[in-house]
Amino acid sequence: MAEERRSLAAVPSLIGKEVFLRPTVPEEYAATYHWTLQSEPQTLSARPLTIKTPAQAAESFKKWESSIDRQHFTVVRIEDKMPVGKISFYDYNPLNRSASLGLIIDPDERRNGYGTEALKLLVKYLFRNRGLNKVCAETSDFNAGTPALLESLGFKLDGRLRNHYFFNGEFHDRLIYSLLLYELSW
């Protein structure tokens, strides 16, 4: 029994006060795909995106599901076990000990602290359990919420790719943020 408790203690905790993270499955990806559509899909990437049906999105998700260099999690509210967001890491680089992060919160659940807590859980996991030294996140300059969120967690602006996004008839800059292990203060 004591041996079992010790092995459980080594399991990474992706459980916070308000939310927990669980691996995303294709059916759940389809059920939450409307968050992408409600968030103006082209604002989520500097590359052209194809608008898909939820079933098509789930099929695409199956092709790039979890691997050693990327994993997708559903952000679940503890109170009622409802999915409120999705978070992922990708471009995992064991040589450089770095990865990039992606986050989307249900538009109806934004500004409730779920994104903050989800980022904290994933970043701590990546630093403590995957041995990373750096996590990165990118966004556009027309997305005021994401830079504010990242900066509130100690992320630093590393750079700006000028006129990188074309959205609503205008060019916008891409902002690149990172957080280093030694900068983690929470």
N, C-alpha and C. Protein backbone atom coordinates (compact mmCIF):
# COMPACT_ATOMS: atom_id res chain seq x y z
N MET A 1 0.82 -1.20 0.00
CA MET A 1 0.00 0.00 0.00
C MET A 1 0.86 1.26 0.00
N ALA A 2 1.89 1.29 0.86
CA ALA A 2 2.78 2.45 0.90
C ALA A 2 3.50 2.62 -0.43
N GLU A 3 3.86 1.50 -1.05
CA GLU A 3 4.52 1.55 -2.35
C GLU A 3 3.59 2.14 -3.40
N GLU A 4 2.31 1.78 -3.34
CA GLU A 4 1.32 2.32 -4.27
C GLU A 4 1.18 3.83 -4.08
N ARG A 5 1.15 4.29 -2.82
CA ARG A 5 1.04 5.72 -2.55
C ARG A 5 2.26 6.47 -3.08
N ARG A 6 3.45 5.89 -2.91
CA ARG A 6 4.65 6.54 -3.43
C ARG A 6 4.61 6.66 -4.95
N SER A 7 4.14 5.63 -5.65
CA SER A 7 4.08 5.69 -7.11
C SER A 7 3.03 6.69 -7.57
N LEU A 8 1.93 6.81 -6.82
CA LEU A 8 0.91 7.81 -7.17
C LEU A 8 1.43 9.22 -6.96
N ALA A 9 2.27 9.41 -5.96
CA ALA A 9 2.82 10.73 -5.69
C ALA A 9 3.69 11.21 -6.85
N ALA A 10 4.25 10.29 -7.62
CA ALA A 10 5.10 10.64 -8.74
C ALA A 10 4.31 11.02 -9.99
N VAL A 11 3.01 10.73 -9.97
CA VAL A 11 2.16 11.05 -11.11
C VAL A 11 1.95 12.56 -11.15
N PRO A 12 2.17 13.20 -12.31
CA PRO A 12 1.98 14.65 -12.37
C PRO A 12 0.53 15.05 -12.12
N SER A 13 0.35 16.11 -11.37
CA SER A 13 -0.99 16.60 -11.08
C SER A 13 -1.34 17.71 -12.04
N LEU A 14 -2.41 17.52 -12.76
CA LEU A 14 -2.92 18.55 -13.66
C LEU A 14 -4.26 19.02 -13.13
N ILE A 15 -4.33 19.13 -11.79
CA ILE A 15 -5.57 19.52 -11.12
C ILE A 15 -5.33 20.82 -10.37
N GLY A 16 -6.14 21.82 -10.67
CA GLY A 16 -6.04 23.10 -9.99
C GLY A 16 -7.19 23.29 -9.03
N LYS A 17 -7.44 24.53 -8.66
CA LYS A 17 -8.55 24.83 -7.74
C LYS A 17 -9.89 24.88 -8.46
N GLU A 18 -9.89 25.40 -9.67
CA GLU A 18 -11.14 25.56 -10.43
C GLU A 18 -11.26 24.62 -11.62
N VAL A 19 -10.11 24.21 -12.18
CA VAL A 19 -10.13 23.36 -13.38
C VAL A 19 -9.11 22.24 -13.26
N PHE A 20 -9.30 21.22 -14.10
CA PHE A 20 -8.28 20.19 -14.29
C PHE A 20 -8.13 19.96 -15.78
N LEU A 21 -6.99 19.37 -16.15
CA LEU A 21 -6.71 19.08 -17.55
C LEU A 21 -6.77 17.58 -17.76
N ARG A 22 -7.43 17.17 -18.85
CA ARG A 22 -7.44 15.75 -19.21
C ARG A 22 -7.13 15.65 -20.70
N PRO A 23 -6.52 14.55 -21.10
CA PRO A 23 -6.23 14.39 -22.53
C PRO A 23 -7.51 14.49 -23.36
N THR A 24 -7.44 15.21 -24.46
CA THR A 24 -8.59 15.39 -25.34
C THR A 24 -8.75 14.16 -26.23
N VAL A 25 -9.99 13.76 -26.43
CA VAL A 25 -10.32 12.66 -27.35
C VAL A 25 -11.05 13.25 -28.55
N PRO A 26 -11.03 12.57 -29.70
CA PRO A 26 -11.63 13.13 -30.92
C PRO A 26 -13.09 13.56 -30.76
N GLU A 27 -13.89 12.77 -30.04
CA GLU A 27 -15.30 13.13 -29.88
C GLU A 27 -15.46 14.45 -29.13
N GLU A 28 -14.61 14.65 -28.15
CA GLU A 28 -14.65 15.89 -27.38
C GLU A 28 -14.16 17.06 -28.23
N TYR A 29 -13.18 16.79 -29.08
CA TYR A 29 -12.68 17.82 -29.98
C TYR A 29 -13.81 18.30 -30.90
N ALA A 30 -14.58 17.36 -31.41
CA ALA A 30 -15.72 17.71 -32.26
C ALA A 30 -16.76 18.51 -31.49
N ALA A 31 -17.02 18.10 -30.25
CA ALA A 31 -18.06 18.76 -29.44
C ALA A 31 -17.68 20.18 -29.05
N THR A 32 -16.38 20.50 -29.06
CA THR A 32 -15.93 21.84 -28.67
C THR A 32 -15.41 22.65 -29.85
N TYR A 33 -15.50 22.12 -31.05
CA TYR A 33 -14.98 22.80 -32.24
C TYR A 33 -15.68 24.14 -32.47
N HIS A 34 -16.91 24.27 -32.02
CA HIS A 34 -17.63 25.54 -32.22
C HIS A 34 -16.93 26.71 -31.52
N TRP A 35 -16.11 26.45 -30.50
CA TRP A 35 -15.35 27.54 -29.87
C TRP A 35 -14.41 28.18 -30.88
N THR A 36 -13.82 27.35 -31.74
CA THR A 36 -12.93 27.86 -32.78
C THR A 36 -13.72 28.73 -33.74
N LEU A 37 -14.88 28.26 -34.14
CA LEU A 37 -15.71 29.03 -35.08
C LEU A 37 -16.19 30.33 -34.46
N GLN A 38 -16.54 30.32 -33.18
CA GLN A 38 -17.00 31.53 -32.49
C GLN A 38 -15.86 32.52 -32.25
N SER A 39 -14.63 32.05 -32.34
CA SER A 39 -13.46 32.89 -32.05
C SER A 39 -12.83 33.47 -33.30
N GLU A 40 -13.57 33.53 -34.39
CA GLU A 40 -13.01 33.99 -35.66
C GLU A 40 -11.79 33.13 -35.98
N PRO A 41 -11.99 31.99 -36.62
CA PRO A 41 -10.90 31.03 -36.82
C PRO A 41 -9.60 31.62 -37.34
N GLN A 42 -9.67 32.57 -38.23
CA GLN A 42 -8.43 33.10 -38.81
C GLN A 42 -7.63 33.91 -37.79
N THR A 43 -8.23 34.29 -36.68
CA THR A 43 -7.47 34.99 -35.65
C THR A 43 -6.58 34.03 -34.85
N LEU A 44 -6.77 32.73 -35.02
CA LEU A 44 -6.04 31.74 -34.25
C LEU A 44 -4.75 31.29 -34.92
N SER A 45 -4.52 31.70 -36.16
CA SER A 45 -3.33 31.25 -36.87
C SER A 45 -2.96 32.27 -37.94
N ALA A 46 -1.67 32.34 -38.23
CA ALA A 46 -1.21 33.20 -39.32
C ALA A 46 -1.27 32.47 -40.66
N ARG A 47 -1.62 31.19 -40.62
CA ARG A 47 -1.74 30.39 -41.84
C ARG A 47 -3.22 30.28 -42.22
N PRO A 48 -3.50 30.12 -43.50
CA PRO A 48 -4.90 29.96 -43.90
C PRO A 48 -5.51 28.73 -43.24
N LEU A 49 -6.70 28.89 -42.71
CA LEU A 49 -7.40 27.77 -42.08
C LEU A 49 -8.60 27.37 -42.91
N THR A 50 -8.85 26.08 -42.94
CA THR A 50 -10.03 25.56 -43.61
C THR A 50 -11.13 25.42 -42.57
N ILE A 51 -12.27 25.99 -42.87
CA ILE A 51 -13.43 25.84 -41.97
C ILE A 51 -13.96 24.42 -42.17
N LYS A 52 -14.16 23.73 -41.05
CA LYS A 52 -14.58 22.33 -41.11
C LYS A 52 -15.86 22.13 -40.33
N THR A 53 -16.49 21.01 -40.56
CA THR A 53 -17.59 20.59 -39.71
C THR A 53 -16.97 19.98 -38.45
N PRO A 54 -17.73 19.85 -37.38
CA PRO A 54 -17.17 19.20 -36.18
C PRO A 54 -16.66 17.78 -36.47
N ALA A 55 -17.36 17.03 -37.31
CA ALA A 55 -16.90 15.67 -37.64
C ALA A 55 -15.58 15.71 -38.39
N GLN A 56 -15.44 16.65 -39.34
CA GLN A 56 -14.18 16.78 -40.07
C GLN A 56 -13.05 17.20 -39.13
N ALA A 57 -13.36 18.09 -38.21
CA ALA A 57 -12.35 18.54 -37.24
C ALA A 57 -11.88 17.36 -36.39
N ALA A 58 -12.81 16.51 -35.98
CA ALA A 58 -12.45 15.33 -35.17
C ALA A 58 -11.56 14.37 -35.97
N GLU A 59 -11.87 14.19 -37.26
CA GLU A 59 -11.05 13.32 -38.11
C GLU A 59 -9.64 13.89 -38.26
N SER A 60 -9.54 15.19 -38.46
CA SER A 60 -8.22 15.83 -38.56
C SER A 60 -7.46 15.67 -37.25
N PHE A 61 -8.17 15.84 -36.14
CA PHE A 61 -7.55 15.70 -34.82
C PHE A 61 -6.95 14.31 -34.64
N LYS A 62 -7.64 13.29 -35.13
CA LYS A 62 -7.13 11.92 -35.00
C LYS A 62 -5.76 11.77 -35.68
N LYS A 63 -5.54 12.51 -36.77
CA LYS A 63 -4.29 12.40 -37.51
C LYS A 63 -3.12 13.03 -36.76
N TRP A 64 -3.39 14.06 -35.95
CA TRP A 64 -2.30 14.70 -35.20
C TRP A 64 -2.53 14.66 -33.71
N GLU A 65 -3.19 13.58 -33.28
CA GLU A 65 -3.41 13.37 -31.85
C GLU A 65 -2.09 13.36 -31.09
N SER A 66 -2.15 13.09 -29.84
CA SER A 66 -0.99 13.15 -28.95
C SER A 66 0.18 12.32 -29.46
N SER A 67 1.36 12.86 -29.23
CA SER A 67 2.61 12.16 -29.51
C SER A 67 3.63 12.72 -28.51
N ILE A 68 4.85 12.28 -28.63
CA ILE A 68 5.88 12.75 -27.72
C ILE A 68 6.11 14.25 -27.85
N ASP A 69 5.86 14.80 -29.05
CA ASP A 69 6.17 16.22 -29.27
C ASP A 69 4.95 17.13 -29.23
N ARG A 70 3.78 16.59 -28.90
CA ARG A 70 2.59 17.44 -28.76
C ARG A 70 1.51 16.67 -28.01
N GLN A 71 0.69 17.42 -27.29
CA GLN A 71 -0.45 16.81 -26.61
C GLN A 71 -1.51 17.87 -26.40
N HIS A 72 -2.75 17.44 -26.54
CA HIS A 72 -3.90 18.32 -26.38
C HIS A 72 -4.67 17.91 -25.13
N PHE A 73 -5.08 18.91 -24.37
CA PHE A 73 -5.83 18.68 -23.15
C PHE A 73 -7.13 19.47 -23.20
N THR A 74 -8.15 18.92 -22.58
CA THR A 74 -9.40 19.64 -22.38
C THR A 74 -9.33 20.25 -20.99
N VAL A 75 -9.71 21.53 -20.91
CA VAL A 75 -9.77 22.24 -19.63
C VAL A 75 -11.18 22.01 -19.09
N VAL A 76 -11.28 21.37 -17.94
CA VAL A 76 -12.57 20.99 -17.38
C VAL A 76 -12.79 21.71 -16.06
N ARG A 77 -13.96 22.34 -15.93
CA ARG A 77 -14.32 23.01 -14.68
C ARG A 77 -14.61 21.93 -13.64
N ILE A 78 -13.98 22.00 -12.49
CA ILE A 78 -14.13 20.99 -11.45
C ILE A 78 -15.56 20.94 -10.92
N GLU A 79 -16.15 22.09 -10.71
CA GLU A 79 -17.47 22.20 -10.09
C GLU A 79 -18.54 21.32 -10.74
N ASP A 80 -18.59 21.34 -12.08
CA ASP A 80 -19.65 20.60 -12.77
C ASP A 80 -19.13 19.68 -13.88
N LYS A 81 -17.82 19.52 -13.95
CA LYS A 81 -17.15 18.64 -14.94
C LYS A 81 -17.42 19.05 -16.38
N MET A 82 -17.70 20.34 -16.60
CA MET A 82 -17.97 20.85 -17.95
C MET A 82 -16.67 21.32 -18.61
N PRO A 83 -16.44 20.93 -19.88
CA PRO A 83 -15.30 21.46 -20.62
C PRO A 83 -15.46 22.97 -20.82
N VAL A 84 -14.42 23.72 -20.53
CA VAL A 84 -14.46 25.18 -20.68
C VAL A 84 -13.33 25.69 -21.57
N GLY A 85 -12.48 24.78 -22.04
CA GLY A 85 -11.39 25.22 -22.89
C GLY A 85 -10.55 24.05 -23.37
N LYS A 86 -9.57 24.40 -24.21
CA LYS A 86 -8.60 23.43 -24.72
C LYS A 86 -7.22 24.08 -24.63
N ILE A 87 -6.24 23.27 -24.26
CA ILE A 87 -4.87 23.77 -24.17
C ILE A 87 -3.96 22.68 -24.71
N SER A 88 -2.85 23.10 -25.30
CA SER A 88 -1.94 22.11 -25.88
C SER A 88 -0.52 22.60 -25.81
N PHE A 89 0.39 21.65 -25.95
CA PHE A 89 1.77 22.00 -26.23
C PHE A 89 2.14 21.30 -27.53
N TYR A 90 3.04 21.90 -28.29
CA TYR A 90 3.47 21.37 -29.57
C TYR A 90 4.89 21.88 -29.85
N ASP A 91 5.49 21.41 -30.90
CA ASP A 91 6.88 21.76 -31.22
C ASP A 91 7.80 21.48 -30.04
N TYR A 92 7.52 20.40 -29.33
CA TYR A 92 8.37 19.99 -28.21
C TYR A 92 9.75 19.66 -28.74
N ASN A 93 10.77 20.26 -28.15
CA ASN A 93 12.13 20.06 -28.61
C ASN A 93 12.99 19.62 -27.43
N PRO A 94 13.27 18.31 -27.31
CA PRO A 94 14.04 17.84 -26.15
C PRO A 94 15.49 18.33 -26.15
N LEU A 95 16.05 18.63 -27.30
CA LEU A 95 17.42 19.15 -27.35
C LEU A 95 17.48 20.55 -26.74
N ASN A 96 16.59 21.42 -27.20
CA ASN A 96 16.56 22.80 -26.70
C ASN A 96 15.74 22.94 -25.42
N ARG A 97 15.03 21.84 -25.05
CA ARG A 97 14.18 21.82 -23.86
C ARG A 97 13.14 22.94 -23.92
N SER A 98 12.39 22.96 -25.03
CA SER A 98 11.38 24.00 -25.23
C SER A 98 10.13 23.40 -25.89
N ALA A 99 9.04 24.16 -25.80
CA ALA A 99 7.79 23.79 -26.47
C ALA A 99 6.96 25.05 -26.63
N SER A 100 6.02 24.99 -27.55
CA SER A 100 5.07 26.08 -27.76
C SER A 100 3.72 25.69 -27.16
N LEU A 101 2.94 26.70 -26.80
CA LEU A 101 1.64 26.49 -26.16
C LEU A 101 0.52 27.05 -27.01
N GLY A 102 -0.64 26.41 -26.92
CA GLY A 102 -1.86 26.91 -27.56
C GLY A 102 -2.99 26.82 -26.56
N LEU A 103 -3.89 27.79 -26.59
CA LEU A 103 -5.00 27.85 -25.64
C LEU A 103 -6.22 28.47 -26.31
N ILE A 104 -7.38 27.87 -26.06
CA ILE A 104 -8.64 28.50 -26.43
C ILE A 104 -9.64 28.20 -25.31
N ILE A 105 -10.31 29.23 -24.87
CA ILE A 105 -11.34 29.11 -23.84
C ILE A 105 -12.69 29.36 -24.50
N ASP A 106 -13.69 28.59 -24.09
CA ASP A 106 -15.05 28.79 -24.56
C ASP A 106 -15.39 30.28 -24.45
N PRO A 107 -15.81 30.91 -25.55
CA PRO A 107 -16.10 32.35 -25.50
C PRO A 107 -17.08 32.74 -24.38
N ASP A 108 -17.98 31.85 -24.00
CA ASP A 108 -18.93 32.14 -22.92
C ASP A 108 -18.29 32.02 -21.54
N GLU A 109 -17.08 31.48 -21.46
CA GLU A 109 -16.42 31.24 -20.17
C GLU A 109 -15.15 32.07 -19.98
N ARG A 110 -14.89 32.98 -20.90
CA ARG A 110 -13.70 33.80 -20.79
C ARG A 110 -13.82 34.79 -19.63
N ARG A 111 -12.69 35.19 -19.13
CA ARG A 111 -12.58 36.14 -18.02
C ARG A 111 -13.04 35.56 -16.67
N ASN A 112 -13.00 34.22 -16.58
CA ASN A 112 -13.32 33.56 -15.32
C ASN A 112 -12.08 32.96 -14.67
N GLY A 113 -10.92 33.18 -15.25
CA GLY A 113 -9.67 32.68 -14.69
C GLY A 113 -9.29 31.29 -15.15
N TYR A 114 -10.10 30.67 -16.00
CA TYR A 114 -9.81 29.30 -16.43
C TYR A 114 -8.56 29.22 -17.30
N GLY A 115 -8.36 30.19 -18.17
CA GLY A 115 -7.17 30.20 -19.01
C GLY A 115 -5.90 30.37 -18.19
N THR A 116 -5.95 31.25 -17.20
CA THR A 116 -4.81 31.47 -16.32
C THR A 116 -4.44 30.18 -15.60
N GLU A 117 -5.43 29.54 -15.01
CA GLU A 117 -5.16 28.32 -14.25
C GLU A 117 -4.69 27.19 -15.17
N ALA A 118 -5.29 27.06 -16.33
CA ALA A 118 -4.89 26.02 -17.27
C ALA A 118 -3.43 26.22 -17.71
N LEU A 119 -3.06 27.46 -18.02
CA LEU A 119 -1.67 27.74 -18.41
C LEU A 119 -0.72 27.40 -17.28
N LYS A 120 -1.06 27.78 -16.07
CA LYS A 120 -0.20 27.47 -14.92
C LYS A 120 -0.01 25.96 -14.77
N LEU A 121 -1.10 25.21 -14.89
CA LEU A 121 -1.00 23.75 -14.74
C LEU A 121 -0.11 23.14 -15.82
N LEU A 122 -0.31 23.55 -17.06
CA LEU A 122 0.47 22.96 -18.15
C LEU A 122 1.93 23.40 -18.09
N VAL A 123 2.18 24.66 -17.80
CA VAL A 123 3.56 25.15 -17.73
C VAL A 123 4.31 24.44 -16.60
N LYS A 124 3.70 24.32 -15.45
CA LYS A 124 4.37 23.62 -14.33
C LYS A 124 4.66 22.17 -14.71
N TYR A 125 3.71 21.52 -15.37
CA TYR A 125 3.91 20.15 -15.82
C TYR A 125 5.11 20.07 -16.77
N LEU A 126 5.16 20.97 -17.74
CA LEU A 126 6.23 20.93 -18.73
C LEU A 126 7.59 21.21 -18.11
N PHE A 127 7.66 22.14 -17.17
CA PHE A 127 8.92 22.45 -16.51
C PHE A 127 9.33 21.33 -15.55
N ARG A 128 8.41 20.86 -14.75
CA ARG A 128 8.75 19.90 -13.69
C ARG A 128 8.81 18.45 -14.17
N ASN A 129 7.92 18.07 -15.07
CA ASN A 129 7.83 16.67 -15.47
C ASN A 129 8.43 16.36 -16.83
N ARG A 130 8.56 17.36 -17.68
CA ARG A 130 9.15 17.13 -19.00
C ARG A 130 10.53 17.76 -19.12
N GLY A 131 10.98 18.44 -18.06
CA GLY A 131 12.33 18.98 -18.03
C GLY A 131 12.59 20.16 -18.95
N LEU A 132 11.53 20.91 -19.27
CA LEU A 132 11.72 22.04 -20.18
C LEU A 132 12.38 23.22 -19.47
N ASN A 133 13.03 24.05 -20.28
CA ASN A 133 13.62 25.29 -19.80
C ASN A 133 12.83 26.51 -20.31
N LYS A 134 12.05 26.31 -21.39
CA LYS A 134 11.38 27.44 -22.02
C LYS A 134 10.05 27.00 -22.62
N VAL A 135 9.03 27.81 -22.42
CA VAL A 135 7.76 27.63 -23.13
C VAL A 135 7.46 28.93 -23.88
N CYS A 136 6.87 28.78 -25.05
CA CYS A 136 6.60 29.92 -25.92
C CYS A 136 5.11 29.98 -26.25
N ALA A 137 4.65 31.17 -26.56
CA ALA A 137 3.28 31.36 -27.03
C ALA A 137 3.28 32.51 -28.02
N GLU A 138 2.43 32.40 -29.02
CA GLU A 138 2.35 33.44 -30.05
C GLU A 138 0.91 33.91 -30.18
N THR A 139 0.76 35.18 -30.52
CA THR A 139 -0.56 35.75 -30.73
C THR A 139 -0.42 36.95 -31.66
N SER A 140 -1.52 37.56 -31.99
CA SER A 140 -1.50 38.74 -32.86
C SER A 140 -1.64 40.00 -32.03
N ASP A 141 -1.25 41.12 -32.62
CA ASP A 141 -1.36 42.38 -31.88
C ASP A 141 -2.80 42.88 -31.77
N PHE A 142 -3.72 42.30 -32.53
CA PHE A 142 -5.13 42.71 -32.38
C PHE A 142 -5.85 41.91 -31.31
N ASN A 143 -5.18 40.94 -30.71
CA ASN A 143 -5.76 40.13 -29.65
C ASN A 143 -5.26 40.67 -28.31
N ALA A 144 -5.98 41.60 -27.73
CA ALA A 144 -5.54 42.27 -26.50
C ALA A 144 -5.53 41.33 -25.29
N GLY A 145 -6.42 40.36 -25.26
CA GLY A 145 -6.54 39.49 -24.09
C GLY A 145 -5.35 38.58 -23.87
N THR A 146 -4.83 37.97 -24.93
CA THR A 146 -3.75 37.01 -24.78
C THR A 146 -2.45 37.65 -24.29
N PRO A 147 -1.99 38.77 -24.86
CA PRO A 147 -0.78 39.38 -24.31
C PRO A 147 -0.94 39.75 -22.83
N ALA A 148 -2.09 40.25 -22.46
CA ALA A 148 -2.32 40.60 -21.06
C ALA A 148 -2.24 39.37 -20.17
N LEU A 149 -2.84 38.27 -20.61
CA LEU A 149 -2.79 37.02 -19.85
C LEU A 149 -1.35 36.53 -19.71
N LEU A 150 -0.64 36.47 -20.83
CA LEU A 150 0.74 35.98 -20.80
C LEU A 150 1.62 36.85 -19.91
N GLU A 151 1.51 38.16 -20.05
CA GLU A 151 2.32 39.07 -19.24
C GLU A 151 1.98 38.96 -17.75
N SER A 152 0.72 38.70 -17.44
CA SER A 152 0.33 38.54 -16.03
C SER A 152 0.98 37.31 -15.40
N LEU A 153 1.37 36.35 -16.24
CA LEU A 153 2.01 35.13 -15.75
C LEU A 153 3.54 35.20 -15.84
N GLY A 154 4.07 36.35 -16.24
CA GLY A 154 5.51 36.54 -16.29
C GLY A 154 6.15 36.28 -17.63
N PHE A 155 5.36 35.96 -18.66
CA PHE A 155 5.92 35.79 -20.00
C PHE A 155 6.48 37.12 -20.47
N LYS A 156 7.58 37.03 -21.21
CA LYS A 156 8.24 38.22 -21.77
C LYS A 156 8.04 38.25 -23.28
N LEU A 157 7.89 39.45 -23.82
CA LEU A 157 7.79 39.61 -25.26
C LEU A 157 9.18 39.43 -25.86
N ASP A 158 9.36 38.36 -26.63
CA ASP A 158 10.65 38.08 -27.27
C ASP A 158 10.80 38.80 -28.60
N GLY A 159 9.70 38.95 -29.30
CA GLY A 159 9.82 39.56 -30.61
C GLY A 159 8.49 39.82 -31.27
N ARG A 160 8.59 40.48 -32.39
CA ARG A 160 7.42 40.89 -33.17
C ARG A 160 7.72 40.62 -34.64
N LEU A 161 6.84 39.86 -35.28
CA LEU A 161 6.94 39.67 -36.72
C LEU A 161 5.98 40.67 -37.35
N ARG A 162 6.54 41.67 -38.00
CA ARG A 162 5.74 42.77 -38.52
C ARG A 162 4.86 42.34 -39.69
N ASN A 163 3.64 42.85 -39.70
CA ASN A 163 2.69 42.59 -40.79
C ASN A 163 2.58 41.10 -41.11
N HIS A 164 2.48 40.27 -40.11
CA HIS A 164 2.50 38.82 -40.27
C HIS A 164 1.11 38.22 -40.48
N TYR A 165 0.09 38.85 -39.93
CA TYR A 165 -1.29 38.38 -40.08
C TYR A 165 -2.04 39.32 -41.02
N PHE A 166 -2.85 38.74 -41.88
CA PHE A 166 -3.77 39.56 -42.68
C PHE A 166 -5.16 39.20 -42.23
N PHE A 167 -5.84 40.14 -41.59
CA PHE A 167 -7.15 39.88 -41.01
C PHE A 167 -8.03 41.11 -41.18
N ASN A 168 -9.24 40.89 -41.63
CA ASN A 168 -10.22 41.98 -41.85
C ASN A 168 -9.64 43.11 -42.70
N GLY A 169 -8.91 42.73 -43.74
CA GLY A 169 -8.42 43.71 -44.70
C GLY A 169 -7.19 44.49 -44.25
N GLU A 170 -6.58 44.11 -43.11
CA GLU A 170 -5.41 44.83 -42.62
C GLU A 170 -4.33 43.84 -42.19
N PHE A 171 -3.08 44.32 -42.24
CA PHE A 171 -1.97 43.53 -41.73
C PHE A 171 -1.77 43.84 -40.25
N HIS A 172 -1.38 42.79 -39.51
CA HIS A 172 -1.15 42.92 -38.07
C HIS A 172 0.13 42.18 -37.71
N ASP A 173 0.73 42.58 -36.60
CA ASP A 173 1.96 41.96 -36.15
C ASP A 173 1.68 40.69 -35.35
N ARG A 174 2.62 39.78 -35.44
CA ARG A 174 2.58 38.57 -34.61
C ARG A 174 3.52 38.81 -33.42
N LEU A 175 3.04 38.52 -32.23
CA LEU A 175 3.81 38.72 -31.00
C LEU A 175 4.27 37.37 -30.48
N ILE A 176 5.55 37.28 -30.15
CA ILE A 176 6.13 36.02 -29.68
C ILE A 176 6.57 36.22 -28.23
N TYR A 177 6.01 35.39 -27.35
CA TYR A 177 6.29 35.46 -25.91
C TYR A 177 6.96 34.18 -25.45
N SER A 178 7.72 34.30 -24.35
CA SER A 178 8.28 33.10 -23.73
C SER A 178 8.41 33.29 -22.23
N LEU A 179 8.49 32.15 -21.56
CA LEU A 179 8.74 32.10 -20.12
C LEU A 179 9.84 31.08 -19.91
N LEU A 180 10.88 31.46 -19.16
CA LEU A 180 11.98 30.55 -18.86
C LEU A 180 11.78 29.95 -17.48
N LEU A 181 12.32 28.77 -17.29
CA LEU A 181 12.17 28.06 -16.02
C LEU A 181 12.55 28.93 -14.83
N TYR A 182 13.66 29.63 -14.90
CA TYR A 182 14.11 30.42 -13.76
C TYR A 182 13.21 31.64 -13.50
N GLU A 183 12.38 32.00 -14.48
CA GLU A 183 11.46 33.13 -14.31
C GLU A 183 10.15 32.74 -13.65
N LEU A 184 9.90 31.44 -13.52
CA LEU A 184 8.65 30.98 -12.93
C LEU A 184 8.57 31.44 -11.49
N SER A 185 7.52 32.20 -11.17
CA SER A 185 7.40 32.77 -9.82
C SER A 185 6.11 32.39 -9.13
N TRP A 186 5.36 31.45 -9.68
CA TRP A 186 4.10 31.05 -9.07
C TRP A 186 4.06 29.56 -8.87
